[in-house]
């Protein structure tokens, strides 16, 4: 059975972990994390985004966190 990108990211977030685009590429080979997060939000998951400064000090990147799952 193939696990979808949405399932991979949701499982990651359900473990209480956050995720950045670099994490998504490194661990799951997902290159459009924002699109996956959008699909999860449209499914009713409450996911928030934090903007963090890059380690170089120039620019920012996103970090996503699951706040609340879809009510059963």
PDB file of N, CA and C in Angstrom:
ATOM      1  N   UNK A   1       0.837  -1.180   0.000  1.00  0.00           N
ATOM      2  CA  UNK A   1       0.000   0.000   0.000  1.00  0.00           C
ATOM      3  C   UNK A   1       0.884   1.246   0.000  1.00  0.00           C
ATOM      4  N   UNK A   2       0.603   2.167  -0.894  1.00  0.00           N
ATOM      5  CA  UNK A   2       1.346   3.417  -0.948  1.00  0.00           C
ATOM      6  C   UNK A   2       0.736   4.427   0.012  1.00  0.00           C
ATOM      7  N   UNK A   3       1.594   5.079   0.763  1.00  0.00           N
ATOM      8  CA  UNK A   3       1.144   6.132   1.673  1.00  0.00           C
ATOM      9  C   UNK A   3       1.251   7.455   0.925  1.00  0.00           C
ATOM     10  N   UNK A   4       0.174   8.245   0.975  1.00  0.00           N
ATOM     11  CA  UNK A   4       0.177   9.522   0.264  1.00  0.00           C
ATOM     12  C   UNK A   4       1.070  10.532   0.979  1.00  0.00           C
ATOM     13  N   UNK A   5       1.418  11.581   0.264  1.00  0.00           N
ATOM     14  CA  UNK A   5       2.209  12.647   0.866  1.00  0.00           C
ATOM     15  C   UNK A   5       1.466  13.255   2.047  1.00  0.00           C
ATOM     16  N   UNK A   6       0.149  13.412   1.895  1.00  0.00           N
ATOM     17  CA  UNK A   6      -0.657  13.982   2.976  1.00  0.00           C
ATOM     18  C   UNK A   6      -0.588  13.101   4.228  1.00  0.00           C
ATOM     19  N   UNK A   7      -0.672  11.792   4.040  1.00  0.00           N
ATOM     20  CA  UNK A   7      -0.612  10.876   5.178  1.00  0.00           C
ATOM     21  C   UNK A   7       0.753  10.921   5.851  1.00  0.00           C
ATOM     22  N   UNK A   8       1.817  11.001   5.058  1.00  0.00           N
ATOM     23  CA  UNK A   8       3.165  11.071   5.622  1.00  0.00           C
ATOM     24  C   UNK A   8       3.329  12.310   6.497  1.00  0.00           C
ATOM     25  N   UNK A   9       2.896  13.454   5.971  1.00  0.00           N
ATOM     26  CA  UNK A   9       3.051  14.709   6.713  1.00  0.00           C
ATOM     27  C   UNK A   9       2.137  14.725   7.934  1.00  0.00           C
ATOM     28  N   UNK A  10       0.907  14.263   7.777  1.00  0.00           N
ATOM     29  CA  UNK A  10      -0.017  14.235   8.908  1.00  0.00           C
ATOM     30  C   UNK A  10       0.504  13.315  10.012  1.00  0.00           C
ATOM     31  N   UNK A  11       1.026  12.156   9.663  1.00  0.00           N
ATOM     32  CA  UNK A  11       1.603  11.246  10.664  1.00  0.00           C
ATOM     33  C   UNK A  11       2.756  11.915  11.406  1.00  0.00           C
ATOM     34  N   UNK A  12       3.593  12.622  10.663  1.00  0.00           N
ATOM     35  CA  UNK A  12       4.716  13.347  11.258  1.00  0.00           C
ATOM     36  C   UNK A  12       4.200  14.370  12.268  1.00  0.00           C
ATOM     37  N   UNK A  13       3.220  15.159  11.864  1.00  0.00           N
ATOM     38  CA  UNK A  13       2.688  16.212  12.723  1.00  0.00           C
ATOM     39  C   UNK A  13       1.929  15.648  13.930  1.00  0.00           C
ATOM     40  N   UNK A  14       1.255  14.528  13.747  1.00  0.00           N
ATOM     41  CA  UNK A  14       0.500  13.914  14.839  1.00  0.00           C
ATOM     42  C   UNK A  14       1.419  13.436  15.962  1.00  0.00           C
ATOM     43  N   UNK A  15       2.679  13.237  15.677  1.00  0.00           N
ATOM     44  CA  UNK A  15       3.659  12.819  16.691  1.00  0.00           C
ATOM     45  C   UNK A  15       4.121  14.002  17.536  1.00  0.00           C
ATOM     46  N   UNK A  16       3.500  15.171  17.314  1.00  0.00           N
ATOM     47  CA  UNK A  16       3.869  16.357  18.076  1.00  0.00           C
ATOM     48  C   UNK A  16       5.099  17.054  17.542  1.00  0.00           C
ATOM     49  N   UNK A  17       5.496  16.688  16.333  1.00  0.00           N
ATOM     50  CA  UNK A  17       6.689  17.270  15.719  1.00  0.00           C
ATOM     51  C   UNK A  17       6.279  18.373  14.747  1.00  0.00           C
ATOM     52  N   UNK A  18       7.166  19.308  14.528  1.00  0.00           N
ATOM     53  CA  UNK A  18       6.961  20.327  13.506  1.00  0.00           C
ATOM     54  C   UNK A  18       7.714  19.891  12.260  1.00  0.00           C
ATOM     55  N   UNK A  19       7.483  20.621  11.146  1.00  0.00           N
ATOM     56  CA  UNK A  19       8.183  20.258   9.905  1.00  0.00           C
ATOM     57  C   UNK A  19       8.446  21.508   9.074  1.00  0.00           C
ATOM     58  N   UNK A  20       9.602  21.530   8.452  1.00  0.00           N
ATOM     59  CA  UNK A  20       9.981  22.595   7.531  1.00  0.00           C
ATOM     60  C   UNK A  20      10.067  22.004   6.124  1.00  0.00           C
ATOM     61  N   UNK A  21      10.108  22.859   5.111  1.00  0.00           N
ATOM     62  CA  UNK A  21      10.276  22.338   3.746  1.00  0.00           C
ATOM     63  C   UNK A  21      11.548  21.488   3.594  1.00  0.00           C
ATOM     64  N   UNK A  22      12.627  21.878   4.273  1.00  0.00           N
ATOM     65  CA  UNK A  22      13.863  21.096   4.190  1.00  0.00           C
ATOM     66  C   UNK A  22      13.683  19.717   4.820  1.00  0.00           C
ATOM     67  N   UNK A  23      12.941  19.651   5.946  1.00  0.00           N
ATOM     68  CA  UNK A  23      12.646  18.362   6.582  1.00  0.00           C
ATOM     69  C   UNK A  23      11.839  17.478   5.636  1.00  0.00           C
ATOM     70  N   UNK A  24      10.862  18.077   4.969  1.00  0.00           N
ATOM     71  CA  UNK A  24       9.981  17.318   4.072  1.00  0.00           C
ATOM     72  C   UNK A  24      10.779  16.688   2.935  1.00  0.00           C
ATOM     73  N   UNK A  25      11.740  17.427   2.408  1.00  0.00           N
ATOM     74  CA  UNK A  25      12.589  16.891   1.341  1.00  0.00           C
ATOM     75  C   UNK A  25      13.498  15.800   1.896  1.00  0.00           C
ATOM     76  N   UNK A  26      14.129  16.083   3.016  1.00  0.00           N
ATOM     77  CA  UNK A  26      15.103  15.159   3.606  1.00  0.00           C
ATOM     78  C   UNK A  26      14.478  13.820   4.015  1.00  0.00           C
ATOM     79  N   UNK A  27      13.328  13.874   4.696  1.00  0.00           N
ATOM     80  CA  UNK A  27      12.741  12.655   5.250  1.00  0.00           C
ATOM     81  C   UNK A  27      11.722  11.970   4.350  1.00  0.00           C
ATOM     82  N   UNK A  28      11.031  12.747   3.510  1.00  0.00           N
ATOM     83  CA  UNK A  28       9.913  12.181   2.754  1.00  0.00           C
ATOM     84  C   UNK A  28       9.990  12.416   1.245  1.00  0.00           C
ATOM     85  N   UNK A  29      11.022  13.088   0.773  1.00  0.00           N
ATOM     86  CA  UNK A  29      11.173  13.383  -0.650  1.00  0.00           C
ATOM     87  C   UNK A  29       9.972  14.185  -1.179  1.00  0.00           C
ATOM     88  N   UNK A  30       9.473  15.094  -0.349  1.00  0.00           N
ATOM     89  CA  UNK A  30       8.338  15.959  -0.707  1.00  0.00           C
ATOM     90  C   UNK A  30       8.893  17.359  -0.936  1.00  0.00           C
ATOM     91  N   UNK A  31       8.655  17.881  -2.140  1.00  0.00           N
ATOM     92  CA  UNK A  31       9.234  19.159  -2.530  1.00  0.00           C
ATOM     93  C   UNK A  31       8.249  20.317  -2.469  1.00  0.00           C
ATOM     94  N   UNK A  32       6.973  20.070  -2.293  1.00  0.00           N
ATOM     95  CA  UNK A  32       5.982  21.142  -2.216  1.00  0.00           C
ATOM     96  C   UNK A  32       5.169  21.000  -0.933  1.00  0.00           C
ATOM     97  N   UNK A  33       5.839  21.174   0.186  1.00  0.00           N
ATOM     98  CA  UNK A  33       5.198  21.006   1.485  1.00  0.00           C
ATOM     99  C   UNK A  33       4.004  21.928   1.646  1.00  0.00           C
ATOM    100  N   UNK A  34       4.098  23.151   1.177  1.00  0.00           N
ATOM    101  CA  UNK A  34       2.979  24.087   1.337  1.00  0.00           C
ATOM    102  C   UNK A  34       1.717  23.577   0.646  1.00  0.00           C
ATOM    103  N   UNK A  35       1.853  22.908  -0.477  1.00  0.00           N
ATOM    104  CA  UNK A  35       0.693  22.350  -1.178  1.00  0.00           C
ATOM    105  C   UNK A  35       0.079  21.199  -0.382  1.00  0.00           C
ATOM    106  N   UNK A  36       0.917  20.386   0.232  1.00  0.00           N
ATOM    107  CA  UNK A  36       0.432  19.279   1.060  1.00  0.00           C
ATOM    108  C   UNK A  36      -0.290  19.832   2.285  1.00  0.00           C
ATOM    109  N   UNK A  37       0.283  20.850   2.914  1.00  0.00           N
ATOM    110  CA  UNK A  37      -0.341  21.473   4.085  1.00  0.00           C
ATOM    111  C   UNK A  37      -1.687  22.082   3.695  1.00  0.00           C
ATOM    112  N   UNK A  38      -1.771  22.699   2.535  1.00  0.00           N
ATOM    113  CA  UNK A  38      -3.038  23.269   2.073  1.00  0.00           C
ATOM    114  C   UNK A  38      -4.119  22.190   1.957  1.00  0.00           C
ATOM    115  N   UNK A  39      -3.767  21.043   1.405  1.00  0.00           N
ATOM    116  CA  UNK A  39      -4.728  19.936   1.300  1.00  0.00           C
ATOM    117  C   UNK A  39      -5.181  19.467   2.680  1.00  0.00           C
ATOM    118  N   UNK A  40      -4.248  19.386   3.622  1.00  0.00           N
ATOM    119  CA  UNK A  40      -4.600  18.968   4.979  1.00  0.00           C
ATOM    120  C   UNK A  40      -5.511  19.992   5.647  1.00  0.00           C
ATOM    121  N   UNK A  41      -5.224  21.274   5.424  1.00  0.00           N
ATOM    122  CA  UNK A  41      -6.091  22.325   5.983  1.00  0.00           C
ATOM    123  C   UNK A  41      -7.495  22.233   5.387  1.00  0.00           C
ATOM    124  N   UNK A  42      -7.573  22.015   4.100  1.00  0.00           N
ATOM    125  CA  UNK A  42      -8.886  21.901   3.446  1.00  0.00           C
ATOM    126  C   UNK A  42      -9.661  20.689   3.944  1.00  0.00           C
ATOM    127  N   UNK A  43      -8.937  19.689   4.445  1.00  0.00           N
ATOM    128  CA  UNK A  43      -9.581  18.502   5.024  1.00  0.00           C
ATOM    129  C   UNK A  43     -10.006  18.758   6.470  1.00  0.00           C
ATOM    130  N   UNK A  44      -9.690  19.950   6.991  1.00  0.00           N
ATOM    131  CA  UNK A  44     -10.146  20.327   8.316  1.00  0.00           C
ATOM    132  C   UNK A  44      -9.104  20.331   9.410  1.00  0.00           C
ATOM    133  N   UNK A  45      -7.860  19.989   9.090  1.00  0.00           N
ATOM    134  CA  UNK A  45      -6.804  19.993  10.110  1.00  0.00           C
ATOM    135  C   UNK A  45      -6.346  21.423  10.363  1.00  0.00           C
ATOM    136  N   UNK A  46      -6.171  21.766  11.622  1.00  0.00           N
ATOM    137  CA  UNK A  46      -5.729  23.104  11.992  1.00  0.00           C
ATOM    138  C   UNK A  46      -4.212  23.091  12.119  1.00  0.00           C
ATOM    139  N   UNK A  47      -3.555  23.583  11.082  1.00  0.00           N
ATOM    140  CA  UNK A  47      -2.097  23.602  11.022  1.00  0.00           C
ATOM    141  C   UNK A  47      -1.661  25.055  10.940  1.00  0.00           C
ATOM    142  N   UNK A  48      -0.744  25.422  11.831  1.00  0.00           N
ATOM    143  CA  UNK A  48      -0.263  26.800  11.804  1.00  0.00           C
ATOM    144  C   UNK A  48       1.146  26.858  11.234  1.00  0.00           C
ATOM    145  N   UNK A  49       1.484  28.040  10.749  1.00  0.00           N
ATOM    146  CA  UNK A  49       2.787  28.265  10.125  1.00  0.00           C
ATOM    147  C   UNK A  49       3.540  29.325  10.925  1.00  0.00           C
ATOM    148  N   UNK A  50       4.787  29.030  11.192  1.00  0.00           N
ATOM    149  CA  UNK A  50       5.696  30.002  11.794  1.00  0.00           C
ATOM    150  C   UNK A  50       6.723  30.369  10.740  1.00  0.00           C
ATOM    151  N   UNK A  51       7.077  31.627  10.652  1.00  0.00           N
ATOM    152  CA  UNK A  51       8.168  32.036   9.774  1.00  0.00           C
ATOM    153  C   UNK A  51       9.425  32.156  10.623  1.00  0.00           C
ATOM    154  N   UNK A  52      10.464  31.456  10.213  1.00  0.00           N
ATOM    155  CA  UNK A  52      11.734  31.462  10.935  1.00  0.00           C
ATOM    156  C   UNK A  52      12.831  32.029  10.054  1.00  0.00           C
ATOM    157  N   UNK A  53      13.759  32.719  10.682  1.00  0.00           N
ATOM    158  CA  UNK A  53      14.902  33.250   9.937  1.00  0.00           C
ATOM    159  C   UNK A  53      15.820  32.096   9.556  1.00  0.00           C
ATOM    160  N   UNK A  54      16.323  32.126   8.342  1.00  0.00           N
ATOM    161  CA  UNK A  54      17.262  31.099   7.878  1.00  0.00           C
ATOM    162  C   UNK A  54      18.558  31.180   8.674  1.00  0.00           C
ATOM    163  N   UNK A  55      19.288  30.096   8.711  1.00  0.00           N
ATOM    164  CA  UNK A  55      20.541  30.053   9.471  1.00  0.00           C
ATOM    165  C   UNK A  55      21.562  31.060   8.949  1.00  0.00           C
ATOM    166  N   UNK A  56      21.442  31.425   7.681  1.00  0.00           N
ATOM    167  CA  UNK A  56      22.353  32.413   7.104  1.00  0.00           C
ATOM    168  C   UNK A  56      22.021  33.827   7.575  1.00  0.00           C
ATOM    169  N   UNK A  57      20.823  33.972   8.198  1.00  0.00           N
ATOM    170  CA  UNK A  57      20.402  35.296   8.643  1.00  0.00           C
ATOM    171  C   UNK A  57      19.712  36.088   7.555  1.00  0.00           C
ATOM    172  N   UNK A  58      19.633  35.494   6.375  1.00  0.00           N
ATOM    173  CA  UNK A  58      18.996  36.179   5.247  1.00  0.00           C
ATOM    174  C   UNK A  58      17.770  35.385   4.825  1.00  0.00           C
ATOM    175  N   UNK A  59      16.626  36.016   4.852  1.00  0.00           N
ATOM    176  CA  UNK A  59      15.396  35.359   4.429  1.00  0.00           C
ATOM    177  C   UNK A  59      14.780  34.519   5.537  1.00  0.00           C
ATOM    178  N   UNK A  60      13.650  33.929   5.206  1.00  0.00           N
ATOM    179  CA  UNK A  60      12.923  33.105   6.172  1.00  0.00           C
ATOM    180  C   UNK A  60      12.450  31.820   5.505  1.00  0.00           C
ATOM    181  N   UNK A  61      12.034  30.876   6.334  1.00  0.00           N
ATOM    182  CA  UNK A  61      11.404  29.652   5.850  1.00  0.00           C
ATOM    183  C   UNK A  61      10.234  29.339   6.775  1.00  0.00           C
ATOM    184  N   UNK A  62       9.365  28.469   6.336  1.00  0.00           N
ATOM    185  CA  UNK A  62       8.180  28.109   7.111  1.00  0.00           C
ATOM    186  C   UNK A  62       8.455  26.908   8.008  1.00  0.00           C
ATOM    187  N   UNK A  63       7.771  26.869   9.131  1.00  0.00           N
ATOM    188  CA  UNK A  63       7.745  25.702  10.014  1.00  0.00           C
ATOM    189  C   UNK A  63       6.277  25.486  10.345  1.00  0.00           C
ATOM    190  N   UNK A  64       5.785  24.268  10.118  1.00  0.00           N
ATOM    191  CA  UNK A  64       4.375  23.950  10.315  1.00  0.00           C
ATOM    192  C   UNK A  64       4.181  23.092  11.554  1.00  0.00           C
ATOM    193  N   UNK A  65       3.042  23.319  12.233  1.00  0.00           N
ATOM    194  CA  UNK A  65       2.700  22.574  13.444  1.00  0.00           C
ATOM    195  C   UNK A  65       1.204  22.271  13.437  1.00  0.00           C
ATOM    196  N   UNK A  66       0.865  21.055  13.812  1.00  0.00           N
ATOM    197  CA  UNK A  66      -0.539  20.655  13.933  1.00  0.00           C
ATOM    198  C   UNK A  66      -1.049  21.122  15.283  1.00  0.00           C
ATOM    199  N   UNK A  67      -2.125  21.912  15.258  1.00  0.00           N
ATOM    200  CA  UNK A  67      -2.705  22.430  16.495  1.00  0.00           C
ATOM    201  C   UNK A  67      -3.879  21.565  16.912  1.00  0.00           C
ATOM    202  N   UNK A  68      -4.679  21.187  15.938  1.00  0.00           N
ATOM    203  CA  UNK A  68      -5.868  20.404  16.248  1.00  0.00           C
ATOM    204  C   UNK A  68      -6.200  19.509  15.056  1.00  0.00           C
ATOM    205  N   UNK A  69      -6.537  18.277  15.362  1.00  0.00           N
ATOM    206  CA  UNK A  69      -6.951  17.332  14.325  1.00  0.00           C
ATOM    207  C   UNK A  69      -8.432  17.518  13.998  1.00  0.00           C
ATOM    208  N   UNK A  70      -8.847  16.937  12.912  1.00  0.00           N
ATOM    209  CA  UNK A  70     -10.251  16.946  12.522  1.00  0.00           C
ATOM    210  C   UNK A  70     -11.046  16.191  13.569  1.00  0.00           C
ATOM    211  N   UNK A  71     -12.145  16.786  14.010  1.00  0.00           N
ATOM    212  CA  UNK A  71     -13.012  16.099  14.984  1.00  0.00           C
ATOM    213  C   UNK A  71     -13.630  14.867  14.340  1.00  0.00           C
ATOM    214  N   UNK A  72     -13.664  13.783  15.072  1.00  0.00           N
ATOM    215  CA  UNK A  72     -14.208  12.524  14.541  1.00  0.00           C
ATOM    216  C   UNK A  72     -15.700  12.527  14.479  1.00  0.00           C
TER     217      UNK A  72
END
